[in-house]
Structures are given as structure tokens and as C-alpha cells.
Amino acid sequence: MENKNTDKVKGLIIGFFIGIFTTTIGSYLFVTLIMQSDFLEGISIIKSQGDLGKIITLGAVLNIITFFVLLKLNKEIIARGVIFATILLTVFTLFV
């Protein structure tokens, strides 16, 4: 019984970090490809304009793809972790 709960917690944590990582990759791709700028320089410009939350939101779009791929692979617990990361990022963007 305890092993099953431990596996669920591990799956949620793995999914959470996958969600954060995927959002970071999405934000990186947006800044480098769309803005055609260095990532750190682009983030500084975006932050000074007050649009950092929008970039994080655009980066989180990749979480949708990740979520459905995990569901297709029958990794429901990890997919829940990705959703948890997305929810926390949503709350975070409200304050950024």
C-alpha cells in the first residue's frame, strides 16, 4: 500500500518537473525564434515591458502536447503532475 502511494508521489513530482521544463523550453523557443534575440536579453526586455507572464503562458502551451502524449502512453499520474505545474504557473503569472 505504501509503495503504491510512493509511486504516485514520484509520478506527480516527475510530471511537475516535466511541466516546468516544457514551459521553459517553450518560452526559450518563443524568445529565440519569434523575437530573434538572446534568451536572457529577451527575458530582460520582456520583464521591463511587464509582459513576462505572457511569455510564460505562451511557453506553457507545450504542456498541452506533453499532457496528451503522457495520456496516450498511459502515464496518468505523470500527466496529473504536468497539469499541477500548469496550474501553479497560471497562479504565478497572475503575480508577475
N, C-alpha and C. Protein backbone atom coordinates (compact mmCIF):
# COMPACT_ATOMS: atom_id res chain seq x y z
N MET A 1 0.83 -1.19 0.00
CA MET A 1 0.00 0.00 0.00
C MET A 1 0.88 1.26 0.00
N GLU A 2 1.88 1.28 0.86
CA GLU A 2 2.74 2.45 0.96
C GLU A 2 3.56 2.63 -0.32
N ASN A 3 3.97 1.54 -0.93
CA ASN A 3 4.74 1.60 -2.17
C ASN A 3 3.92 2.23 -3.29
N LYS A 4 2.62 1.92 -3.32
CA LYS A 4 1.73 2.48 -4.34
C LYS A 4 1.61 4.00 -4.18
N ASN A 5 1.48 4.46 -2.93
CA ASN A 5 1.41 5.90 -2.68
C ASN A 5 2.72 6.59 -3.02
N THR A 6 3.83 5.92 -2.72
CA THR A 6 5.14 6.47 -3.05
C THR A 6 5.29 6.62 -4.56
N ASP A 7 4.82 5.62 -5.30
CA ASP A 7 4.88 5.70 -6.76
C ASP A 7 4.03 6.85 -7.30
N LYS A 8 2.87 7.09 -6.68
CA LYS A 8 2.02 8.20 -7.10
C LYS A 8 2.71 9.54 -6.86
N VAL A 9 3.31 9.67 -5.69
CA VAL A 9 4.00 10.92 -5.36
C VAL A 9 5.18 11.14 -6.30
N LYS A 10 5.93 10.07 -6.57
CA LYS A 10 7.05 10.19 -7.51
C LYS A 10 6.56 10.59 -8.90
N GLY A 11 5.46 10.00 -9.34
CA GLY A 11 4.89 10.34 -10.64
C GLY A 11 4.45 11.78 -10.71
N LEU A 12 3.83 12.27 -9.64
CA LEU A 12 3.41 13.68 -9.60
C LEU A 12 4.61 14.62 -9.65
N ILE A 13 5.64 14.28 -8.90
CA ILE A 13 6.84 15.13 -8.88
C ILE A 13 7.53 15.12 -10.24
N ILE A 14 7.63 13.94 -10.85
CA ILE A 14 8.23 13.86 -12.18
C ILE A 14 7.41 14.68 -13.18
N GLY A 15 6.09 14.54 -13.13
CA GLY A 15 5.22 15.30 -14.01
C GLY A 15 5.34 16.79 -13.78
N PHE A 16 5.46 17.20 -12.52
CA PHE A 16 5.62 18.61 -12.20
C PHE A 16 6.87 19.17 -12.85
N PHE A 17 7.98 18.46 -12.70
CA PHE A 17 9.24 18.94 -13.28
C PHE A 17 9.21 18.88 -14.81
N ILE A 18 8.53 17.91 -15.37
CA ILE A 18 8.36 17.87 -16.83
C ILE A 18 7.58 19.10 -17.29
N GLY A 19 6.53 19.46 -16.54
CA GLY A 19 5.74 20.64 -16.88
C GLY A 19 6.54 21.93 -16.81
N ILE A 20 7.35 22.07 -15.78
CA ILE A 20 8.19 23.26 -15.64
C ILE A 20 9.23 23.30 -16.76
N PHE A 21 9.85 22.15 -17.02
CA PHE A 21 10.87 22.07 -18.07
C PHE A 21 10.27 22.38 -19.44
N THR A 22 9.11 21.81 -19.71
CA THR A 22 8.45 22.04 -21.00
C THR A 22 8.09 23.52 -21.17
N THR A 23 7.63 24.14 -20.12
CA THR A 23 7.32 25.58 -20.18
C THR A 23 8.57 26.40 -20.43
N THR A 24 9.66 26.02 -19.79
CA THR A 24 10.92 26.72 -20.01
C THR A 24 11.38 26.59 -21.46
N ILE A 25 11.27 25.39 -22.00
CA ILE A 25 11.65 25.16 -23.41
C ILE A 25 10.74 25.99 -24.33
N GLY A 26 9.44 26.01 -24.06
CA GLY A 26 8.51 26.78 -24.87
C GLY A 26 8.81 28.27 -24.83
N SER A 27 9.12 28.77 -23.65
CA SER A 27 9.47 30.19 -23.52
C SER A 27 10.78 30.50 -24.25
N TYR A 28 11.73 29.59 -24.13
CA TYR A 28 13.02 29.75 -24.81
C TYR A 28 12.81 29.80 -26.33
N LEU A 29 12.02 28.87 -26.84
CA LEU A 29 11.76 28.84 -28.28
C LEU A 29 11.08 30.12 -28.75
N PHE A 30 10.13 30.61 -27.97
CA PHE A 30 9.44 31.85 -28.35
C PHE A 30 10.41 33.01 -28.40
N VAL A 31 11.21 33.16 -27.36
CA VAL A 31 12.12 34.31 -27.29
C VAL A 31 13.17 34.23 -28.38
N THR A 32 13.75 33.06 -28.61
CA THR A 32 14.83 32.97 -29.59
C THR A 32 14.33 32.95 -31.03
N LEU A 33 13.22 32.28 -31.30
CA LEU A 33 12.76 32.18 -32.68
C LEU A 33 11.86 33.34 -33.11
N ILE A 34 10.93 33.73 -32.28
CA ILE A 34 9.99 34.79 -32.66
C ILE A 34 10.62 36.17 -32.47
N MET A 35 11.23 36.36 -31.30
CA MET A 35 11.84 37.68 -31.04
C MET A 35 13.22 37.80 -31.68
N GLN A 36 13.81 36.68 -32.07
CA GLN A 36 15.16 36.63 -32.65
C GLN A 36 16.14 37.39 -31.77
N SER A 37 16.18 36.95 -30.52
CA SER A 37 17.02 37.61 -29.52
C SER A 37 17.68 36.54 -28.67
N ASP A 38 18.75 36.93 -27.98
CA ASP A 38 19.35 36.05 -26.99
C ASP A 38 18.34 35.84 -25.87
N PHE A 39 18.30 34.64 -25.29
CA PHE A 39 17.26 34.30 -24.32
C PHE A 39 17.28 35.24 -23.12
N LEU A 40 18.42 35.39 -22.47
CA LEU A 40 18.47 36.23 -21.26
C LEU A 40 18.20 37.70 -21.59
N GLU A 41 18.71 38.16 -22.72
CA GLU A 41 18.45 39.54 -23.14
C GLU A 41 16.96 39.73 -23.44
N GLY A 42 16.36 38.77 -24.12
CA GLY A 42 14.94 38.83 -24.45
C GLY A 42 14.07 38.82 -23.20
N ILE A 43 14.44 37.99 -22.23
CA ILE A 43 13.69 37.94 -20.96
C ILE A 43 13.79 39.28 -20.24
N SER A 44 14.97 39.88 -20.25
CA SER A 44 15.13 41.20 -19.61
C SER A 44 14.25 42.25 -20.27
N ILE A 45 14.21 42.24 -21.59
CA ILE A 45 13.37 43.20 -22.32
C ILE A 45 11.90 42.97 -21.99
N ILE A 46 11.49 41.72 -22.03
CA ILE A 46 10.09 41.38 -21.77
C ILE A 46 9.70 41.74 -20.34
N LYS A 47 10.61 41.47 -19.40
CA LYS A 47 10.32 41.80 -18.00
C LYS A 47 10.20 43.31 -17.81
N SER A 48 11.04 44.08 -18.49
CA SER A 48 10.97 45.54 -18.36
C SER A 48 9.67 46.10 -18.95
N GLN A 49 9.11 45.38 -19.93
CA GLN A 49 7.83 45.79 -20.53
C GLN A 49 6.64 45.29 -19.72
N GLY A 50 6.89 44.43 -18.75
CA GLY A 50 5.81 43.89 -17.93
C GLY A 50 5.05 42.76 -18.57
N ASP A 51 5.65 42.09 -19.55
CA ASP A 51 4.97 41.02 -20.28
C ASP A 51 5.53 39.63 -19.98
N LEU A 52 6.23 39.47 -18.88
CA LEU A 52 6.83 38.18 -18.57
C LEU A 52 5.78 37.09 -18.38
N GLY A 53 4.66 37.43 -17.77
CA GLY A 53 3.59 36.46 -17.58
C GLY A 53 3.04 35.94 -18.89
N LYS A 54 2.99 36.79 -19.89
CA LYS A 54 2.50 36.37 -21.20
C LYS A 54 3.46 35.37 -21.85
N ILE A 55 4.75 35.57 -21.68
CA ILE A 55 5.74 34.66 -22.25
C ILE A 55 5.68 33.31 -21.55
N ILE A 56 5.49 33.32 -20.25
CA ILE A 56 5.35 32.06 -19.51
C ILE A 56 4.11 31.33 -19.98
N THR A 57 3.04 32.06 -20.20
CA THR A 57 1.81 31.44 -20.69
C THR A 57 2.00 30.84 -22.07
N LEU A 58 2.67 31.55 -22.96
CA LEU A 58 2.94 31.01 -24.29
C LEU A 58 3.82 29.76 -24.20
N GLY A 59 4.77 29.78 -23.28
CA GLY A 59 5.63 28.62 -23.09
C GLY A 59 4.87 27.41 -22.58
N ALA A 60 3.83 27.66 -21.80
CA ALA A 60 3.05 26.57 -21.22
C ALA A 60 2.16 25.86 -22.24
N VAL A 61 2.04 26.42 -23.42
CA VAL A 61 1.24 25.77 -24.46
C VAL A 61 1.79 24.38 -24.78
N LEU A 62 3.11 24.21 -24.69
CA LEU A 62 3.70 22.90 -24.92
C LEU A 62 3.25 21.86 -23.90
N ASN A 63 2.79 22.32 -22.74
CA ASN A 63 2.29 21.39 -21.73
C ASN A 63 1.06 20.64 -22.21
N ILE A 64 0.28 21.25 -23.08
CA ILE A 64 -0.91 20.58 -23.63
C ILE A 64 -0.48 19.36 -24.43
N ILE A 65 0.53 19.55 -25.27
CA ILE A 65 1.03 18.43 -26.08
C ILE A 65 1.61 17.36 -25.17
N THR A 66 2.40 17.78 -24.18
CA THR A 66 3.00 16.83 -23.24
C THR A 66 1.93 16.05 -22.50
N PHE A 67 0.89 16.73 -22.07
CA PHE A 67 -0.20 16.09 -21.34
C PHE A 67 -0.85 14.99 -22.18
N PHE A 68 -1.18 15.30 -23.43
CA PHE A 68 -1.85 14.31 -24.26
C PHE A 68 -0.93 13.16 -24.65
N VAL A 69 0.35 13.42 -24.83
CA VAL A 69 1.31 12.35 -25.11
C VAL A 69 1.39 11.41 -23.90
N LEU A 70 1.45 11.97 -22.71
CA LEU A 70 1.50 11.14 -21.50
C LEU A 70 0.22 10.32 -21.33
N LEU A 71 -0.91 10.91 -21.64
CA LEU A 71 -2.16 10.14 -21.58
C LEU A 71 -2.15 9.00 -22.59
N LYS A 72 -1.64 9.26 -23.78
CA LYS A 72 -1.56 8.23 -24.81
C LYS A 72 -0.65 7.07 -24.38
N LEU A 73 0.38 7.40 -23.59
CA LEU A 73 1.30 6.39 -23.08
C LEU A 73 0.83 5.76 -21.77
N ASN A 74 -0.40 6.08 -21.35
CA ASN A 74 -0.98 5.57 -20.10
C ASN A 74 -0.16 5.96 -18.87
N LYS A 75 0.31 7.18 -18.85
CA LYS A 75 1.06 7.73 -17.71
C LYS A 75 0.20 8.81 -17.05
N GLU A 76 -0.94 8.39 -16.50
CA GLU A 76 -1.92 9.35 -15.97
C GLU A 76 -1.39 10.14 -14.79
N ILE A 77 -0.64 9.50 -13.91
CA ILE A 77 -0.13 10.20 -12.72
C ILE A 77 0.87 11.28 -13.12
N ILE A 78 1.75 10.96 -14.05
CA ILE A 78 2.71 11.96 -14.52
C ILE A 78 1.97 13.09 -15.24
N ALA A 79 0.93 12.76 -15.99
CA ALA A 79 0.13 13.78 -16.66
C ALA A 79 -0.53 14.70 -15.64
N ARG A 80 -0.94 14.15 -14.52
CA ARG A 80 -1.50 15.00 -13.44
C ARG A 80 -0.46 15.98 -12.93
N GLY A 81 0.78 15.52 -12.83
CA GLY A 81 1.86 16.41 -12.39
C GLY A 81 2.07 17.56 -13.37
N VAL A 82 1.94 17.28 -14.66
CA VAL A 82 2.07 18.34 -15.67
C VAL A 82 0.94 19.36 -15.50
N ILE A 83 -0.27 18.86 -15.25
CA ILE A 83 -1.40 19.77 -15.01
C ILE A 83 -1.18 20.59 -13.74
N PHE A 84 -0.65 19.96 -12.70
CA PHE A 84 -0.34 20.66 -11.46
C PHE A 84 0.66 21.79 -11.72
N ALA A 85 1.70 21.50 -12.51
CA ALA A 85 2.68 22.53 -12.85
C ALA A 85 2.03 23.66 -13.63
N THR A 86 1.13 23.33 -14.53
CA THR A 86 0.45 24.35 -15.33
C THR A 86 -0.42 25.24 -14.44
N ILE A 87 -1.11 24.63 -13.50
CA ILE A 87 -1.94 25.41 -12.57
C ILE A 87 -1.08 26.35 -11.73
N LEU A 88 0.04 25.83 -11.21
CA LEU A 88 0.92 26.69 -10.41
C LEU A 88 1.52 27.81 -11.27
N LEU A 89 1.87 27.51 -12.51
CA LEU A 89 2.40 28.56 -13.39
C LEU A 89 1.33 29.61 -13.68
N THR A 90 0.08 29.18 -13.78
CA THR A 90 -1.02 30.11 -14.00
C THR A 90 -1.14 31.07 -12.82
N VAL A 91 -1.09 30.54 -11.63
CA VAL A 91 -1.16 31.38 -10.43
C VAL A 91 0.05 32.31 -10.37
N PHE A 92 1.22 31.77 -10.73
CA PHE A 92 2.45 32.57 -10.72
C PHE A 92 2.34 33.75 -11.70
N THR A 93 1.78 33.50 -12.88
CA THR A 93 1.69 34.57 -13.88
C THR A 93 0.71 35.67 -13.46
N LEU A 94 -0.19 35.35 -12.56
CA LEU A 94 -1.09 36.40 -12.06
C LEU A 94 -0.33 37.45 -11.25
N PHE A 95 0.77 37.04 -10.63
CA PHE A 95 1.52 37.93 -9.77
C PHE A 95 2.77 38.50 -10.42
N VAL A 96 3.10 38.08 -11.63
CA VAL A 96 4.31 38.57 -12.30
C VAL A 96 3.97 39.78 -13.13
